[in-house]
PDB file of N, CA and C in Angstrom:
ATOM      1  N   UNK A   1      -1.913 -10.660 -10.372  1.00  0.00           N
ATOM      2  CA  UNK A   1      -0.440 -10.108 -10.092  1.00  0.00           C
ATOM      3  C   UNK A   1      -0.259  -8.313  -9.956  1.00  0.00           C
ATOM      4  N   UNK A   2       0.698  -7.968  -9.118  1.00  0.00           N
ATOM      5  CA  UNK A   2       0.536  -6.734  -9.077  1.00  0.00           C
ATOM      6  C   UNK A   2       2.398  -6.405  -9.379  1.00  0.00           C
ATOM      7  N   UNK A   3       2.595  -5.597 -10.289  1.00  0.00           N
ATOM      8  CA  UNK A   3       3.813  -5.111 -10.549  1.00  0.00           C
ATOM      9  C   UNK A   3       3.617  -3.573 -10.505  1.00  0.00           C
ATOM     10  N   UNK A   4       5.478  -3.351  -9.804  1.00  0.00           N
ATOM     11  CA  UNK A   4       5.618  -2.347  -9.626  1.00  0.00           C
ATOM     12  C   UNK A   4       7.014  -1.733 -10.893  1.00  0.00           C
ATOM     13  N   UNK A   5       6.400  -0.547 -11.491  1.00  0.00           N
ATOM     14  CA  UNK A   5       7.190  -0.412 -12.974  1.00  0.00           C
ATOM     15  C   UNK A   5       7.910  -1.560 -13.707  1.00  0.00           C
ATOM     16  N   UNK A   6       6.827  -2.657 -13.563  1.00  0.00           N
ATOM     17  CA  UNK A   6       7.009  -3.677 -14.540  1.00  0.00           C
ATOM     18  C   UNK A   6       7.593  -5.088 -13.185  1.00  0.00           C
ATOM     19  N   UNK A   7       7.783  -4.904 -12.563  1.00  0.00           N
ATOM     20  CA  UNK A   7       8.695  -5.986 -12.033  1.00  0.00           C
ATOM     21  C   UNK A   7       7.221  -6.186 -10.538  1.00  0.00           C
ATOM     22  N   UNK A   8       7.557  -8.024 -10.051  1.00  0.00           N
ATOM     23  CA  UNK A   8       6.536  -8.192  -9.307  1.00  0.00           C
ATOM     24  C   UNK A   8       6.959  -7.215  -7.912  1.00  0.00           C
ATOM     25  N   UNK A   9       5.467  -7.311  -7.532  1.00  0.00           N
ATOM     26  CA  UNK A   9       5.800  -6.477  -6.210  1.00  0.00           C
ATOM     27  C   UNK A   9       5.104  -7.133  -4.780  1.00  0.00           C
ATOM     28  N   UNK A  10       6.358  -7.567  -3.997  1.00  0.00           N
ATOM     29  CA  UNK A  10       6.170  -8.826  -2.923  1.00  0.00           C
ATOM     30  C   UNK A  10       5.557  -7.650  -1.811  1.00  0.00           C
ATOM     31  N   UNK A  11       4.480  -8.664  -0.962  1.00  0.00           N
ATOM     32  CA  UNK A  11       4.236  -7.785   0.784  1.00  0.00           C
ATOM     33  C   UNK A  11       3.702  -6.792   0.652  1.00  0.00           C
ATOM     34  N   UNK A  12       3.069  -6.473  -0.755  1.00  0.00           N
ATOM     35  CA  UNK A  12       1.747  -5.550  -0.910  1.00  0.00           C
ATOM     36  C   UNK A  12       0.464  -5.660  -0.415  1.00  0.00           C
ATOM     37  N   UNK A  13      -0.036  -4.567   0.131  1.00  0.00           N
ATOM     38  CA  UNK A  13      -1.546  -4.863   0.373  1.00  0.00           C
ATOM     39  C   UNK A  13      -2.592  -4.714  -0.509  1.00  0.00           C
ATOM     40  N   UNK A  14      -3.652  -5.541  -0.797  1.00  0.00           N
ATOM     41  CA  UNK A  14      -4.583  -5.246  -2.036  1.00  0.00           C
ATOM     42  C   UNK A  14      -5.876  -4.900  -1.113  1.00  0.00           C
ATOM     43  N   UNK A  15      -6.559  -4.422  -1.961  1.00  0.00           N
ATOM     44  CA  UNK A  15      -8.595  -4.250  -1.734  1.00  0.00           C
ATOM     45  C   UNK A  15      -9.219  -3.592  -3.036  1.00  0.00           C
ATOM     46  N   UNK A  16     -10.295  -4.846  -2.918  1.00  0.00           N
ATOM     47  CA  UNK A  16     -10.664  -4.553  -3.824  1.00  0.00           C
ATOM     48  C   UNK A  16     -12.269  -3.797  -3.157  1.00  0.00           C
ATOM     49  N   UNK A  17     -12.765  -3.168  -3.746  1.00  0.00           N
ATOM     50  CA  UNK A  17     -13.879  -2.040  -3.146  1.00  0.00           C
ATOM     51  C   UNK A  17     -15.073  -2.070  -4.061  1.00  0.00           C
ATOM     52  N   UNK A  18     -16.099  -2.742  -3.781  1.00  0.00           N
ATOM     53  CA  UNK A  18     -17.112  -3.731  -4.655  1.00  0.00           C
ATOM     54  C   UNK A  18     -17.991  -1.281  -4.630  1.00  0.00           C
ATOM     55  N   UNK A  19     -18.991  -1.816  -5.518  1.00  0.00           N
ATOM     56  CA  UNK A  19     -19.664  -0.240  -6.106  1.00  0.00           C
ATOM     57  C   UNK A  19     -20.508   0.307  -4.941  1.00  0.00           C
ATOM     58  N   UNK A  20     -20.457   1.381  -5.189  1.00  0.00           N
ATOM     59  CA  UNK A  20     -20.784   2.476  -3.457  1.00  0.00           C
ATOM     60  C   UNK A  20     -20.524   1.927  -2.298  1.00  0.00           C
ATOM     61  N   UNK A  21     -18.886   1.511  -2.453  1.00  0.00           N
ATOM     62  CA  UNK A  21     -18.140   1.323  -1.517  1.00  0.00           C
ATOM     63  C   UNK A  21     -18.899  -0.080  -0.126  1.00  0.00           C
ATOM     64  N   UNK A  22     -19.610  -0.904  -0.901  1.00  0.00           N
ATOM     65  CA  UNK A  22     -19.876  -1.936  -0.696  1.00  0.00           C
ATOM     66  C   UNK A  22     -19.473  -3.168   0.074  1.00  0.00           C
ATOM     67  N   UNK A  23     -19.231  -3.956  -0.413  1.00  0.00           N
ATOM     68  CA  UNK A  23     -18.590  -5.533  -0.417  1.00  0.00           C
ATOM     69  C   UNK A  23     -17.112  -4.829  -0.297  1.00  0.00           C
ATOM     70  N   UNK A  24     -16.135  -5.423   0.413  1.00  0.00           N
ATOM     71  CA  UNK A  24     -14.724  -5.583   0.067  1.00  0.00           C
ATOM     72  C   UNK A  24     -14.157  -6.671  -0.153  1.00  0.00           C
ATOM     73  N   UNK A  25     -13.097  -6.738  -0.764  1.00  0.00           N
ATOM     74  CA  UNK A  25     -11.844  -7.957   0.084  1.00  0.00           C
ATOM     75  C   UNK A  25     -10.553  -7.148  -0.203  1.00  0.00           C
ATOM     76  N   UNK A  26      -9.679  -8.180   0.826  1.00  0.00           N
ATOM     77  CA  UNK A  26      -8.530  -7.837   0.826  1.00  0.00           C
ATOM     78  C   UNK A  26      -7.547  -8.791   0.735  1.00  0.00           C
ATOM     79  N   UNK A  27      -5.890  -8.924   0.284  1.00  0.00           N
ATOM     80  CA  UNK A  27      -4.934  -9.380   0.272  1.00  0.00           C
ATOM     81  C   UNK A  27      -3.991  -9.049   0.364  1.00  0.00           C
ATOM     82  N   UNK A  28      -2.912  -9.766   0.454  1.00  0.00           N
ATOM     83  CA  UNK A  28      -1.404  -9.105   0.539  1.00  0.00           C
ATOM     84  C   UNK A  28      -0.701 -10.319  -0.544  1.00  0.00           C
ATOM     85  N   UNK A  29       0.153  -9.551  -1.109  1.00  0.00           N
ATOM     86  CA  UNK A  29       0.850 -10.073  -2.254  1.00  0.00           C
ATOM     87  C   UNK A  29       2.012 -11.267  -1.807  1.00  0.00           C
ATOM     88  N   UNK A  30       2.313 -12.279  -2.443  1.00  0.00           N
ATOM     89  CA  UNK A  30       3.558 -13.092  -2.208  1.00  0.00           C
ATOM     90  C   UNK A  30       4.484 -12.477  -2.487  1.00  0.00           C
ATOM     91  N   UNK A  31       5.935 -13.225  -2.589  1.00  0.00           N
ATOM     92  CA  UNK A  31       6.964 -13.177  -3.114  1.00  0.00           C
ATOM     93  C   UNK A  31       6.913 -12.666  -4.666  1.00  0.00           C
ATOM     94  N   UNK A  32       6.220 -13.123  -4.923  1.00  0.00           N
ATOM     95  CA  UNK A  32       6.047 -12.647  -7.013  1.00  0.00           C
ATOM     96  C   UNK A  32       5.128 -11.607  -7.651  1.00  0.00           C
ATOM     97  N   UNK A  33       4.738 -11.096  -6.431  1.00  0.00           N
ATOM     98  CA  UNK A  33       3.093 -10.243  -6.224  1.00  0.00           C
ATOM     99  C   UNK A  33       2.214 -10.742  -6.628  1.00  0.00           C
ATOM    100  N   UNK A  34       1.909 -12.189  -6.584  1.00  0.00           N
ATOM    101  CA  UNK A  34       0.352 -12.614  -6.631  1.00  0.00           C
ATOM    102  C   UNK A  34      -0.149 -12.761  -5.399  1.00  0.00           C
ATOM    103  N   UNK A  35      -1.974 -12.510  -6.001  1.00  0.00           N
ATOM    104  CA  UNK A  35      -2.429 -12.633  -4.466  1.00  0.00           C
ATOM    105  C   UNK A  35      -4.018 -13.586  -5.177  1.00  0.00           C
ATOM    106  N   UNK A  36      -4.719 -13.672  -4.255  1.00  0.00           N
ATOM    107  CA  UNK A  36      -5.805 -14.637  -4.339  1.00  0.00           C
ATOM    108  C   UNK A  36      -6.771 -13.771  -3.714  1.00  0.00           C
ATOM    109  N   UNK A  37      -8.351 -13.192  -4.362  1.00  0.00           N
ATOM    110  CA  UNK A  37      -9.109 -12.918  -3.495  1.00  0.00           C
ATOM    111  C   UNK A  37     -10.720 -13.271  -4.057  1.00  0.00           C
ATOM    112  N   UNK A  38     -11.635 -12.736  -3.081  1.00  0.00           N
ATOM    113  CA  UNK A  38     -12.917 -12.986  -3.849  1.00  0.00           C
ATOM    114  C   UNK A  38     -13.456 -11.538  -3.656  1.00  0.00           C
ATOM    115  N   UNK A  39     -13.711 -11.092  -4.895  1.00  0.00           N
ATOM    116  CA  UNK A  39     -14.050  -9.620  -4.387  1.00  0.00           C
ATOM    117  C   UNK A  39     -15.991  -9.764  -4.548  1.00  0.00           C
ATOM    118  N   UNK A  40     -16.632  -8.329  -4.712  1.00  0.00           N
ATOM    119  CA  UNK A  40     -17.858  -8.536  -4.836  1.00  0.00           C
ATOM    120  C   UNK A  40     -18.101  -8.639  -6.659  1.00  0.00           C
ATOM    121  N   UNK A  41     -18.933  -8.870  -7.304  1.00  0.00           N
ATOM    122  CA  UNK A  41     -19.487  -9.509  -8.735  1.00  0.00           C
ATOM    123  C   UNK A  41     -20.050  -7.860  -8.827  1.00  0.00           C
ATOM    124  N   UNK A  42     -19.284  -6.961 -10.059  1.00  0.00           N
ATOM    125  CA  UNK A  42     -19.611  -5.940 -10.720  1.00  0.00           C
ATOM    126  C   UNK A  42     -18.060  -5.061 -10.883  1.00  0.00           C
ATOM    127  N   UNK A  43     -18.693  -3.568 -10.315  1.00  0.00           N
ATOM    128  CA  UNK A  43     -17.239  -2.991 -10.686  1.00  0.00           C
ATOM    129  C   UNK A  43     -16.640  -2.670  -9.770  1.00  0.00           C
ATOM    130  N   UNK A  44     -15.419  -2.639  -9.300  1.00  0.00           N
ATOM    131  CA  UNK A  44     -14.210  -2.583  -8.399  1.00  0.00           C
ATOM    132  C   UNK A  44     -13.568  -1.730  -8.364  1.00  0.00           C
ATOM    133  N   UNK A  45     -13.359  -0.739  -7.324  1.00  0.00           N
ATOM    134  CA  UNK A  45     -11.912   0.208  -7.288  1.00  0.00           C
ATOM    135  C   UNK A  45     -10.752  -0.561  -6.095  1.00  0.00           C
ATOM    136  N   UNK A  46      -9.609  -0.342  -7.175  1.00  0.00           N
ATOM    137  CA  UNK A  46      -8.836  -1.019  -6.152  1.00  0.00           C
ATOM    138  C   UNK A  46      -7.916  -0.094  -5.535  1.00  0.00           C
ATOM    139  N   UNK A  47      -7.643  -0.284  -4.388  1.00  0.00           N
ATOM    140  CA  UNK A  47      -6.170   0.097  -4.054  1.00  0.00           C
ATOM    141  C   UNK A  47      -5.213  -0.847  -3.685  1.00  0.00           C
ATOM    142  N   UNK A  48      -3.742  -0.111  -3.732  1.00  0.00           N
ATOM    143  CA  UNK A  48      -2.926  -1.239  -3.719  1.00  0.00           C
ATOM    144  C   UNK A  48      -2.005  -0.043  -2.306  1.00  0.00           C
ATOM    145  N   UNK A  49      -1.502  -0.667  -1.727  1.00  0.00           N
ATOM    146  CA  UNK A  49      -0.496   0.053  -0.261  1.00  0.00           C
ATOM    147  C   UNK A  49       1.177  -1.092  -0.386  1.00  0.00           C
ATOM    148  N   UNK A  50       1.654  -0.262  -0.062  1.00  0.00           N
ATOM    149  CA  UNK A  50       3.060  -0.915   0.220  1.00  0.00           C
ATOM    150  C   UNK A  50       4.070  -0.049   0.827  1.00  0.00           C
ATOM    151  N   UNK A  51       4.997  -0.112   1.970  1.00  0.00           N
ATOM    152  CA  UNK A  51       5.443   0.747   2.789  1.00  0.00           C
ATOM    153  C   UNK A  51       7.231   0.032   3.096  1.00  0.00           C
ATOM    154  N   UNK A  52       7.508   0.903   2.899  1.00  0.00           N
ATOM    155  CA  UNK A  52       9.769   0.000   3.221  1.00  0.00           C
ATOM    156  C   UNK A  52       9.687   0.578   5.001  1.00  0.00           C
ATOM    157  N   UNK A  53       9.659  -0.678   5.182  1.00  0.00           N
ATOM    158  CA  UNK A  53       9.572  -1.083   7.067  1.00  0.00           C
ATOM    159  C   UNK A  53      11.239  -1.376   7.499  1.00  0.00           C
ATOM    160  N   UNK A  54      11.825  -1.565   6.581  1.00  0.00           N
ATOM    161  CA  UNK A  54      13.501  -1.605   7.399  1.00  0.00           C
ATOM    162  C   UNK A  54      13.939  -0.429   8.549  1.00  0.00           C
ATOM    163  N   UNK A  55      13.906  -0.792   9.373  1.00  0.00           N
ATOM    164  CA  UNK A  55      14.283   0.083  10.603  1.00  0.00           C
ATOM    165  C   UNK A  55      12.936   0.629  11.292  1.00  0.00           C
ATOM    166  N   UNK A  56      11.618  -0.282  10.883  1.00  0.00           N
ATOM    167  CA  UNK A  56      10.344   0.445  11.419  1.00  0.00           C
ATOM    168  C   UNK A  56      10.670   0.566  12.833  1.00  0.00           C
ATOM    169  N   UNK A  57      11.143  -0.891  13.475  1.00  0.00           N
ATOM    170  CA  UNK A  57      11.059  -1.042  14.702  1.00  0.00           C
ATOM    171  C   UNK A  57      11.830  -0.375  15.648  1.00  0.00           C
ATOM    172  N   UNK A  58      12.631   0.156  15.079  1.00  0.00           N
ATOM    173  CA  UNK A  58      13.503   1.221  16.009  1.00  0.00           C
ATOM    174  C   UNK A  58      12.741   2.931  16.036  1.00  0.00           C
ATOM    175  N   UNK A  59      12.045   3.106  14.740  1.00  0.00           N
ATOM    176  CA  UNK A  59      11.120   4.337  14.935  1.00  0.00           C
ATOM    177  C   UNK A  59      10.594   4.170  15.604  1.00  0.00           C
ATOM    178  N   UNK A  60       9.733   2.959  15.973  1.00  0.00           N
ATOM    179  CA  UNK A  60       8.447   2.568  16.957  1.00  0.00           C
ATOM    180  C   UNK A  60       8.476   2.657  18.353  1.00  0.00           C
ATOM    181  N   UNK A  61      10.102   2.476  18.734  1.00  0.00           N
ATOM    182  CA  UNK A  61      10.483   2.100  20.027  1.00  0.00           C
ATOM    183  C   UNK A  61      10.870   3.480  20.126  1.00  0.00           C
ATOM    184  N   UNK A  62      10.794   4.595  19.383  1.00  0.00           N
ATOM    185  CA  UNK A  62      11.116   5.855  20.161  1.00  0.00           C
ATOM    186  C   UNK A  62       9.879   6.522  21.052  1.00  0.00           C
ATOM    187  N   UNK A  63      10.512   6.522  21.972  1.00  0.00           N
ATOM    188  CA  UNK A  63       9.777   6.981  23.586  1.00  0.00           C
ATOM    189  C   UNK A  63       8.784   8.664  23.270  1.00  0.00           C
ATOM    190  N   UNK A  64       7.907   8.821  24.114  1.00  0.00           N
ATOM    191  CA  UNK A  64       7.165  10.243  23.873  1.00  0.00           C
ATOM    192  C   UNK A  64       8.109  11.399  24.110  1.00  0.00           C
ATOM    193  N   UNK A  65       9.228  11.306  25.223  1.00  0.00           N
ATOM    194  CA  UNK A  65      10.156  12.276  25.739  1.00  0.00           C
ATOM    195  C   UNK A  65      10.804  12.079  24.498  1.00  0.00           C
ATOM    196  N   UNK A  66      11.501  11.233  23.750  1.00  0.00           N
ATOM    197  CA  UNK A  66      12.504  11.701  22.346  1.00  0.00           C
ATOM    198  C   UNK A  66      11.667  12.017  21.995  1.00  0.00           C
ATOM    199  N   UNK A  67      10.354  11.617  21.333  1.00  0.00           N
ATOM    200  CA  UNK A  67       9.740  12.620  19.714  1.00  0.00           C
ATOM    201  C   UNK A  67       9.786  13.868  20.364  1.00  0.00           C
ATOM    202  N   UNK A  68       8.964  14.538  21.674  1.00  0.00           N
ATOM    203  CA  UNK A  68       8.893  15.614  22.005  1.00  0.00           C
ATOM    204  C   UNK A  68      10.190  16.399  21.568  1.00  0.00           C
ATOM    205  N   UNK A  69      11.422  15.657  22.067  1.00  0.00           N
ATOM    206  CA  UNK A  69      12.696  16.302  21.700  1.00  0.00           C
ATOM    207  C   UNK A  69      13.454  16.601  20.752  1.00  0.00           C
ATOM    208  N   UNK A  70      13.173  15.407  19.582  1.00  0.00           N
ATOM    209  CA  UNK A  70      12.821  15.621  18.317  1.00  0.00           C
ATOM    210  C   UNK A  70      12.086  16.536  17.288  1.00  0.00           C
ATOM    211  N   UNK A  71      11.008  16.953  17.893  1.00  0.00           N
ATOM    212  CA  UNK A  71      10.082  17.992  17.124  1.00  0.00           C
ATOM    213  C   UNK A  71      10.231  19.581  18.059  1.00  0.00           C
ATOM    214  N   UNK A  72      11.339  19.537  19.056  1.00  0.00           N
ATOM    215  CA  UNK A  72      11.373  21.040  19.366  1.00  0.00           C
ATOM    216  C   UNK A  72      13.034  20.995  18.793  1.00  0.00           C
ATOM    217  N   UNK A  73      13.513  19.936  17.718  1.00  0.00           N
ATOM    218  CA  UNK A  73      14.860  20.339  17.447  1.00  0.00           C
ATOM    219  C   UNK A  73      14.772  20.917  16.396  1.00  0.00           C
ATOM    220  N   UNK A  74      16.188  20.842  15.680  1.00  0.00           N
ATOM    221  CA  UNK A  74      16.104  21.650  14.383  1.00  0.00           C
ATOM    222  C   UNK A  74      15.920  20.997  13.154  1.00  0.00           C
ATOM    223  N   UNK A  75      15.325  21.424  12.095  1.00  0.00           N
ATOM    224  CA  UNK A  75      14.846  20.737  10.558  1.00  0.00           C
ATOM    225  C   UNK A  75      16.039  19.301  10.661  1.00  0.00           C
ATOM    226  N   UNK A  76      16.973  19.412  11.220  1.00  0.00           N
ATOM    227  CA  UNK A  76      17.914  18.492  10.542  1.00  0.00           C
ATOM    228  C   UNK A  76      18.039  17.179  12.017  1.00  0.00           C
ATOM    229  N   UNK A  77      17.424  17.817  12.687  1.00  0.00           N
ATOM    230  CA  UNK A  77      17.601  16.676  14.039  1.00  0.00           C
ATOM    231  C   UNK A  77      16.058  16.134  14.315  1.00  0.00           C
ATOM    232  N   UNK A  78      15.187  16.587  13.387  1.00  0.00           N
ATOM    233  CA  UNK A  78      13.907  16.279  13.104  1.00  0.00           C
ATOM    234  C   UNK A  78      13.941  15.403  12.169  1.00  0.00           C
ATOM    235  N   UNK A  79      14.823  15.357  10.966  1.00  0.00           N
ATOM    236  CA  UNK A  79      14.436  14.845   9.630  1.00  0.00           C
ATOM    237  C   UNK A  79      15.457  13.219  10.043  1.00  0.00           C
ATOM    238  N   UNK A  80      16.719  13.268  11.011  1.00  0.00           N
ATOM    239  CA  UNK A  80      17.520  12.217  11.683  1.00  0.00           C
ATOM    240  C   UNK A  80      16.163  11.405  12.097  1.00  0.00           C
ATOM    241  N   UNK A  81      15.478  11.691  13.203  1.00  0.00           N
ATOM    242  CA  UNK A  81      14.811  11.273  14.159  1.00  0.00           C
ATOM    243  C   UNK A  81      13.638  10.056  13.287  1.00  0.00           C
ATOM    244  N   UNK A  82      12.976  11.012  12.113  1.00  0.00           N
ATOM    245  CA  UNK A  82      12.294  10.396  11.187  1.00  0.00           C
ATOM    246  C   UNK A  82      12.695   9.943  10.084  1.00  0.00           C
ATOM    247  N   UNK A  83      13.804   9.113  10.423  1.00  0.00           N
ATOM    248  CA  UNK A  83      14.799   8.482   9.125  1.00  0.00           C
ATOM    249  C   UNK A  83      14.241   7.136   9.332  1.00  0.00           C
ATOM    250  N   UNK A  84      13.748   6.346  10.301  1.00  0.00           N
ATOM    251  CA  UNK A  84      13.431   5.265  10.444  1.00  0.00           C
ATOM    252  C   UNK A  84      12.042   5.333   9.907  1.00  0.00           C
ATOM    253  N   UNK A  85      10.990   6.090  10.296  1.00  0.00           N
ATOM    254  CA  UNK A  85      10.261   5.861   9.543  1.00  0.00           C
ATOM    255  C   UNK A  85       9.426   5.345   8.264  1.00  0.00           C
ATOM    256  N   UNK A  86       8.860   4.478   8.827  1.00  0.00           N
ATOM    257  CA  UNK A  86       7.829   3.305   7.173  1.00  0.00           C
ATOM    258  C   UNK A  86       7.764   4.458   5.879  1.00  0.00           C
ATOM    259  N   UNK A  87       8.436   4.650   4.492  1.00  0.00           N
ATOM    260  CA  UNK A  87       8.389   5.174   3.691  1.00  0.00           C
ATOM    261  C   UNK A  87       7.818   4.715   2.455  1.00  0.00           C
ATOM    262  N   UNK A  88       6.651   5.029   1.883  1.00  0.00           N
ATOM    263  CA  UNK A  88       5.688   4.390   0.517  1.00  0.00           C
ATOM    264  C   UNK A  88       6.691   4.208  -0.172  1.00  0.00           C
ATOM    265  N   UNK A  89       6.424   2.586  -0.958  1.00  0.00           N
ATOM    266  CA  UNK A  89       7.750   2.486  -1.908  1.00  0.00           C
ATOM    267  C   UNK A  89       6.263   2.585  -3.024  1.00  0.00           C
ATOM    268  N   UNK A  90       5.341   3.029  -3.323  1.00  0.00           N
ATOM    269  CA  UNK A  90       4.320   3.217  -4.533  1.00  0.00           C
ATOM    270  C   UNK A  90       4.096   4.690  -4.189  1.00  0.00           C
ATOM    271  N   UNK A  91       3.734   5.066  -5.349  1.00  0.00           N
ATOM    272  CA  UNK A  91       2.852   6.407  -5.350  1.00  0.00           C
ATOM    273  C   UNK A  91       1.523   6.331  -4.238  1.00  0.00           C
ATOM    274  N   UNK A  92       1.633   7.266  -3.404  1.00  0.00           N
ATOM    275  CA  UNK A  92       0.171   7.158  -2.654  1.00  0.00           C
ATOM    276  C   UNK A  92      -0.833   7.501  -2.642  1.00  0.00           C
ATOM    277  N   UNK A  93      -0.881   7.683  -4.456  1.00  0.00           N
ATOM    278  CA  UNK A  93      -2.467   7.697  -4.997  1.00  0.00           C
ATOM    279  C   UNK A  93      -3.309   6.601  -4.860  1.00  0.00           C
ATOM    280  N   UNK A  94      -2.158   5.638  -4.998  1.00  0.00           N
ATOM    281  CA  UNK A  94      -2.557   4.157  -5.137  1.00  0.00           C
ATOM    282  C   UNK A  94      -3.479   3.845  -3.301  1.00  0.00           C
ATOM    283  N   UNK A  95      -2.975   4.331  -2.860  1.00  0.00           N
ATOM    284  CA  UNK A  95      -3.375   3.902  -1.459  1.00  0.00           C
ATOM    285  C   UNK A  95      -5.009   3.970  -1.070  1.00  0.00           C
ATOM    286  N   UNK A  96      -5.462   4.636  -2.333  1.00  0.00           N
ATOM    287  CA  UNK A  96      -6.964   5.086  -1.979  1.00  0.00           C
ATOM    288  C   UNK A  96      -7.262   4.481  -3.018  1.00  0.00           C
ATOM    289  N   UNK A  97      -8.484   3.891  -2.824  1.00  0.00           N
ATOM    290  CA  UNK A  97      -9.325   2.954  -4.055  1.00  0.00           C
ATOM    291  C   UNK A  97      -9.885   4.322  -4.995  1.00  0.00           C
ATOM    292  N   UNK A  98     -10.466   5.563  -4.497  1.00  0.00           N
ATOM    293  CA  UNK A  98     -10.887   6.631  -5.195  1.00  0.00           C
ATOM    294  C   UNK A  98      -9.996   6.987  -6.000  1.00  0.00           C
ATOM    295  N   UNK A  99      -8.465   7.242  -5.691  1.00  0.00           N
ATOM    296  CA  UNK A  99      -7.955   7.890  -6.516  1.00  0.00           C
ATOM    297  C   UNK A  99      -6.940   7.247  -7.134  1.00  0.00           C
ATOM    298  N   UNK A 100      -6.580   6.193  -6.995  1.00  0.00           N
ATOM    299  CA  UNK A 100      -5.639   4.727  -7.656  1.00  0.00           C
ATOM    300  C   UNK A 100      -6.080   4.823  -9.208  1.00  0.00           C
ATOM    301  N   UNK A 101      -7.224   4.804 -10.000  1.00  0.00           N
ATOM    302  CA  UNK A 101      -7.425   4.895 -11.180  1.00  0.00           C
ATOM    303  C   UNK A 101      -7.353   3.404 -11.617  1.00  0.00           C
ATOM    304  N   UNK A 102      -7.192   2.818 -10.677  1.00  0.00           N
ATOM    305  CA  UNK A 102      -7.445   0.924 -10.973  1.00  0.00           C
ATOM    306  C   UNK A 102      -9.073   0.504 -10.880  1.00  0.00           C
ATOM    307  N   UNK A 103      -8.982   0.059 -11.706  1.00  0.00           N
ATOM    308  CA  UNK A 103     -11.108  -0.614 -11.382  1.00  0.00           C
ATOM    309  C   UNK A 103     -10.767  -2.002 -12.025  1.00  0.00           C
ATOM    310  N   UNK A 104     -12.200  -3.514 -11.648  1.00  0.00           N
ATOM    311  CA  UNK A 104     -12.198  -4.119 -12.653  1.00  0.00           C
ATOM    312  C   UNK A 104     -13.204  -4.529 -12.401  1.00  0.00           C
ATOM    313  N   UNK A 105     -14.220  -5.471 -13.394  1.00  0.00           N
ATOM    314  CA  UNK A 105     -15.248  -5.620 -13.613  1.00  0.00           C
ATOM    315  C   UNK A 105     -15.634  -6.815 -13.537  1.00  0.00           C
ATOM    316  N   UNK A 106     -15.504  -7.310 -11.802  1.00  0.00           N
ATOM    317  CA  UNK A 106     -15.182  -8.421 -11.434  1.00  0.00           C
ATOM    318  C   UNK A 106     -16.475  -9.542 -11.912  1.00  0.00           C
ATOM    319  N   UNK A 107     -16.144 -10.720 -12.509  1.00  0.00           N
ATOM    320  CA  UNK A 107     -17.259 -11.097 -13.401  1.00  0.00           C
ATOM    321  C   UNK A 107     -16.895 -13.065 -12.888  1.00  0.00           C
ATOM    322  N   UNK A 108     -18.017 -13.919 -12.692  1.00  0.00           N
ATOM    323  CA  UNK A 108     -17.556 -15.237 -12.043  1.00  0.00           C
ATOM    324  C   UNK A 108     -16.704 -15.911 -12.988  1.00  0.00           C
ATOM    325  N   UNK A 109     -16.050 -16.511 -12.690  1.00  0.00           N
ATOM    326  CA  UNK A 109     -14.817 -16.998 -13.419  1.00  0.00           C
ATOM    327  C   UNK A 109     -13.749 -16.688 -14.018  1.00  0.00           C
ATOM    328  N   UNK A 110     -13.742 -15.453 -13.706  1.00  0.00           N
ATOM    329  CA  UNK A 110     -12.742 -13.762 -13.899  1.00  0.00           C
ATOM    330  C   UNK A 110     -11.340 -14.579 -13.563  1.00  0.00           C
ATOM    331  N   UNK A 111     -10.665 -14.488 -14.525  1.00  0.00           N
ATOM    332  CA  UNK A 111      -8.929 -15.004 -14.296  1.00  0.00           C
ATOM    333  C   UNK A 111      -8.051 -14.185 -13.992  1.00  0.00           C
ATOM    334  N   UNK A 112      -6.808 -14.883 -13.911  1.00  0.00           N
ATOM    335  CA  UNK A 112      -5.551 -13.405 -13.399  1.00  0.00           C
ATOM    336  C   UNK A 112      -6.052 -12.221 -14.050  1.00  0.00           C
ATOM    337  N   UNK A 113      -5.782 -11.032 -13.306  1.00  0.00           N
ATOM    338  CA  UNK A 113      -5.749  -9.441 -13.278  1.00  0.00           C
ATOM    339  C   UNK A 113      -4.134  -9.148 -13.151  1.00  0.00           C
ATOM    340  N   UNK A 114      -4.187  -8.176 -13.783  1.00  0.00           N
ATOM    341  CA  UNK A 114      -2.606  -7.222 -13.667  1.00  0.00           C
ATOM    342  C   UNK A 114      -2.745  -6.125 -13.531  1.00  0.00           C
ATOM    343  N   UNK A 115      -1.862  -5.732 -11.868  1.00  0.00           N
ATOM    344  CA  UNK A 115      -2.449  -4.458 -11.705  1.00  0.00           C
ATOM    345  C   UNK A 115      -0.564  -3.997 -11.612  1.00  0.00           C
ATOM    346  N   UNK A 116      -1.017  -2.089 -12.630  1.00  0.00           N
ATOM    347  CA  UNK A 116       0.587  -2.006 -12.568  1.00  0.00           C
ATOM    348  C   UNK A 116       0.645  -0.544 -11.866  1.00  0.00           C
ATOM    349  N   UNK A 117       1.339  -0.428 -10.995  1.00  0.00           N
ATOM    350  CA  UNK A 117       1.892   0.479 -10.534  1.00  0.00           C
ATOM    351  C   UNK A 117       2.921   1.148 -10.555  1.00  0.00           C
ATOM    352  N   UNK A 118       3.195   2.505 -10.165  1.00  0.00           N
ATOM    353  CA  UNK A 118       4.249   3.373 -10.162  1.00  0.00           C
ATOM    354  C   UNK A 118       4.983   4.060  -8.576  1.00  0.00           C
ATOM    355  N   UNK A 119       5.866   4.189  -8.884  1.00  0.00           N
ATOM    356  CA  UNK A 119       6.811   4.481  -7.331  1.00  0.00           C
ATOM    357  C   UNK A 119       6.727   6.349  -7.548  1.00  0.00           C
ATOM    358  N   UNK A 120       5.930   7.011  -8.676  1.00  0.00           N
ATOM    359  CA  UNK A 120       5.357   8.216  -8.412  1.00  0.00           C
ATOM    360  C   UNK A 120       4.430   8.762  -9.487  1.00  0.00           C
TER     361      UNK A 120
END
């Protein structure tokens, strides 16, 4: 289960990366922050990623011409143009297995693990 500041984190992407970057396994969390995956045996580093995608469709629909105008505009116009860009929900250190600080020694028959992340 993945917890953000003690609360379940739904729709987060999880990756377990085996030793030396070898085998990896990925999953997404459900509404209760739960996930299931088959990780490589041994030490695995873990990454967790989640973006707030509200408004992302509008942001993605920005044409190349509109984007060029925004980039040439004032800082306020640029900020307004990027307002709908997906933003990280959790601290970005968790997005990379090498910087997350999260690891598990995966063994056969292993039960549930809890991954705790923060906003900052």
